[in-house]
Amino acid sequence: MDKTTNLLGYKRLIIDYHFSDFVPGTLAQADAAGTVAACLETGADSVLVYAKDHWGHC
């Protein structure tokens, strides 16, 4: 464990996407399975994914 994980006792990961749907294709190549796999590789105890952008779209 790194110094921060030892201090807190847990590890968390926050994914915060701020993309507008005004730009077509921004997430066209997004890989949900790859993102989940990458999250698992971090060894995080919790993962928070914001699914709503600044403009209110889900």
N, C-alpha and C. Protein backbone atom coordinates (compact mmCIF):
# COMPACT_ATOMS: atom_id res chain seq x y z
N MET A 1 0.84 -1.19 0.00
CA MET A 1 0.00 0.00 0.00
C MET A 1 0.88 1.24 0.00
N ASP A 2 0.38 2.28 -0.67
CA ASP A 2 1.13 3.53 -0.67
C ASP A 2 0.82 4.33 0.60
N LYS A 3 1.53 5.44 0.77
CA LYS A 3 1.41 6.24 1.98
C LYS A 3 -0.02 6.74 2.21
N THR A 4 -0.70 7.21 1.14
CA THR A 4 -2.05 7.73 1.28
C THR A 4 -3.03 6.63 1.66
N THR A 5 -2.92 5.47 1.02
CA THR A 5 -3.80 4.36 1.35
C THR A 5 -3.62 3.95 2.80
N ASN A 6 -2.39 3.90 3.27
CA ASN A 6 -2.13 3.56 4.67
C ASN A 6 -2.75 4.58 5.61
N LEU A 7 -2.71 5.84 5.24
CA LEU A 7 -3.26 6.90 6.07
C LEU A 7 -4.78 6.80 6.17
N LEU A 8 -5.43 6.59 5.03
CA LEU A 8 -6.89 6.53 5.00
C LEU A 8 -7.44 5.16 5.35
N GLY A 9 -6.69 4.12 5.04
CA GLY A 9 -7.16 2.76 5.28
C GLY A 9 -7.98 2.19 4.13
N TYR A 10 -8.15 2.97 3.08
CA TYR A 10 -8.88 2.50 1.92
C TYR A 10 -8.41 3.28 0.69
N LYS A 11 -8.76 2.78 -0.46
CA LYS A 11 -8.41 3.46 -1.72
C LYS A 11 -9.69 3.65 -2.52
N ARG A 12 -9.91 4.86 -3.02
CA ARG A 12 -11.08 5.12 -3.84
C ARG A 12 -10.67 5.74 -5.17
N LEU A 13 -11.53 5.57 -6.14
CA LEU A 13 -11.28 6.08 -7.49
C LEU A 13 -12.51 6.86 -7.93
N ILE A 14 -12.30 8.07 -8.42
CA ILE A 14 -13.40 8.90 -8.92
C ILE A 14 -13.17 9.17 -10.39
N ILE A 15 -14.15 8.81 -11.22
CA ILE A 15 -14.10 9.09 -12.65
C ILE A 15 -15.16 10.15 -12.92
N ASP A 16 -14.74 11.28 -13.42
CA ASP A 16 -15.62 12.43 -13.58
C ASP A 16 -15.55 12.92 -15.02
N TYR A 17 -16.49 12.47 -15.84
CA TYR A 17 -16.52 12.87 -17.25
C TYR A 17 -17.26 14.19 -17.40
N HIS A 18 -16.67 15.12 -18.12
CA HIS A 18 -17.31 16.40 -18.40
C HIS A 18 -17.32 16.62 -19.90
N PHE A 19 -18.09 15.82 -20.60
CA PHE A 19 -18.19 15.93 -22.05
C PHE A 19 -19.58 16.39 -22.42
N SER A 20 -19.63 17.26 -23.38
CA SER A 20 -20.91 17.72 -23.90
C SER A 20 -21.33 16.83 -25.06
N ASP A 21 -22.63 16.62 -25.22
CA ASP A 21 -23.09 15.87 -26.39
C ASP A 21 -23.16 16.77 -27.61
N PHE A 22 -22.74 18.03 -27.46
CA PHE A 22 -22.70 18.95 -28.59
C PHE A 22 -21.58 18.60 -29.56
N VAL A 23 -20.64 17.79 -29.11
CA VAL A 23 -19.54 17.35 -29.97
C VAL A 23 -19.79 15.88 -30.30
N PRO A 24 -20.37 15.61 -31.47
CA PRO A 24 -20.70 14.23 -31.82
C PRO A 24 -19.47 13.32 -31.81
N GLY A 25 -19.67 12.13 -31.32
CA GLY A 25 -18.60 11.14 -31.36
C GLY A 25 -17.58 11.24 -30.25
N THR A 26 -17.80 12.12 -29.27
CA THR A 26 -16.81 12.30 -28.21
C THR A 26 -16.49 10.97 -27.52
N LEU A 27 -17.50 10.21 -27.21
CA LEU A 27 -17.29 8.93 -26.52
C LEU A 27 -17.61 7.75 -27.43
N ALA A 28 -17.51 7.95 -28.73
CA ALA A 28 -17.86 6.90 -29.70
C ALA A 28 -17.00 5.65 -29.51
N GLN A 29 -15.78 5.81 -29.06
CA GLN A 29 -14.90 4.66 -28.89
C GLN A 29 -14.73 4.27 -27.42
N ALA A 30 -15.66 4.74 -26.59
CA ALA A 30 -15.59 4.39 -25.17
C ALA A 30 -15.73 2.88 -25.00
N ASP A 31 -14.99 2.33 -24.08
CA ASP A 31 -14.97 0.88 -23.85
C ASP A 31 -15.35 0.62 -22.40
N ALA A 32 -16.63 0.36 -22.17
CA ALA A 32 -17.11 0.16 -20.80
C ALA A 32 -16.41 -1.01 -20.12
N ALA A 33 -16.28 -2.12 -20.82
CA ALA A 33 -15.62 -3.29 -20.23
C ALA A 33 -14.16 -2.99 -19.90
N GLY A 34 -13.50 -2.26 -20.77
CA GLY A 34 -12.11 -1.87 -20.52
C GLY A 34 -11.98 -0.93 -19.34
N THR A 35 -12.95 -0.03 -19.20
CA THR A 35 -12.95 0.89 -18.06
C THR A 35 -13.14 0.13 -16.76
N VAL A 36 -14.06 -0.82 -16.75
CA VAL A 36 -14.28 -1.64 -15.55
C VAL A 36 -13.03 -2.43 -15.21
N ALA A 37 -12.40 -3.01 -16.22
CA ALA A 37 -11.17 -3.78 -15.99
C ALA A 37 -10.07 -2.89 -15.41
N ALA A 38 -9.95 -1.68 -15.95
CA ALA A 38 -8.93 -0.75 -15.45
C ALA A 38 -9.22 -0.35 -14.01
N CYS A 39 -10.49 -0.15 -13.68
CA CYS A 39 -10.86 0.18 -12.30
C CYS A 39 -10.50 -0.97 -11.36
N LEU A 40 -10.76 -2.20 -11.78
CA LEU A 40 -10.42 -3.36 -10.95
C LEU A 40 -8.92 -3.47 -10.73
N GLU A 41 -8.14 -3.12 -11.74
CA GLU A 41 -6.68 -3.21 -11.64
C GLU A 41 -6.11 -2.25 -10.61
N THR A 42 -6.82 -1.16 -10.32
CA THR A 42 -6.31 -0.19 -9.34
C THR A 42 -6.37 -0.73 -7.92
N GLY A 43 -7.23 -1.72 -7.69
CA GLY A 43 -7.39 -2.25 -6.34
C GLY A 43 -8.20 -1.33 -5.44
N ALA A 44 -8.97 -0.44 -6.04
CA ALA A 44 -9.77 0.50 -5.26
C ALA A 44 -10.85 -0.22 -4.47
N ASP A 45 -11.13 0.31 -3.30
CA ASP A 45 -12.20 -0.24 -2.47
C ASP A 45 -13.56 0.28 -2.91
N SER A 46 -13.58 1.46 -3.52
CA SER A 46 -14.82 2.01 -4.05
C SER A 46 -14.51 2.82 -5.31
N VAL A 47 -15.48 2.83 -6.22
CA VAL A 47 -15.34 3.57 -7.47
C VAL A 47 -16.59 4.42 -7.64
N LEU A 48 -16.41 5.70 -7.91
CA LEU A 48 -17.52 6.62 -8.15
C LEU A 48 -17.41 7.11 -9.59
N VAL A 49 -18.45 6.90 -10.37
CA VAL A 49 -18.46 7.35 -11.76
C VAL A 49 -19.62 8.33 -11.91
N TYR A 50 -19.29 9.58 -12.22
CA TYR A 50 -20.33 10.56 -12.49
C TYR A 50 -20.89 10.29 -13.88
N ALA A 51 -22.21 10.11 -13.99
CA ALA A 51 -22.83 9.77 -15.27
C ALA A 51 -23.66 10.91 -15.83
N LYS A 52 -23.51 12.09 -15.28
CA LYS A 52 -24.26 13.24 -15.76
C LYS A 52 -23.27 14.38 -15.97
N ASP A 53 -23.36 15.03 -17.11
CA ASP A 53 -22.42 16.11 -17.38
C ASP A 53 -22.91 17.45 -16.83
N HIS A 54 -22.15 18.50 -17.07
CA HIS A 54 -22.50 19.83 -16.58
C HIS A 54 -23.79 20.36 -17.19
N TRP A 55 -24.17 19.81 -18.34
CA TRP A 55 -25.32 20.32 -19.07
C TRP A 55 -26.60 19.58 -18.72
N GLY A 56 -26.53 18.57 -17.87
CA GLY A 56 -27.71 17.86 -17.42
C GLY A 56 -28.09 16.64 -18.22
N HIS A 57 -27.24 16.23 -19.15
CA HIS A 57 -27.53 15.04 -19.95
C HIS A 57 -27.00 13.80 -19.24
N CYS A 58 -27.72 12.69 -19.36
CA CYS A 58 -27.27 11.43 -18.76
C CYS A 58 -26.69 10.53 -19.81
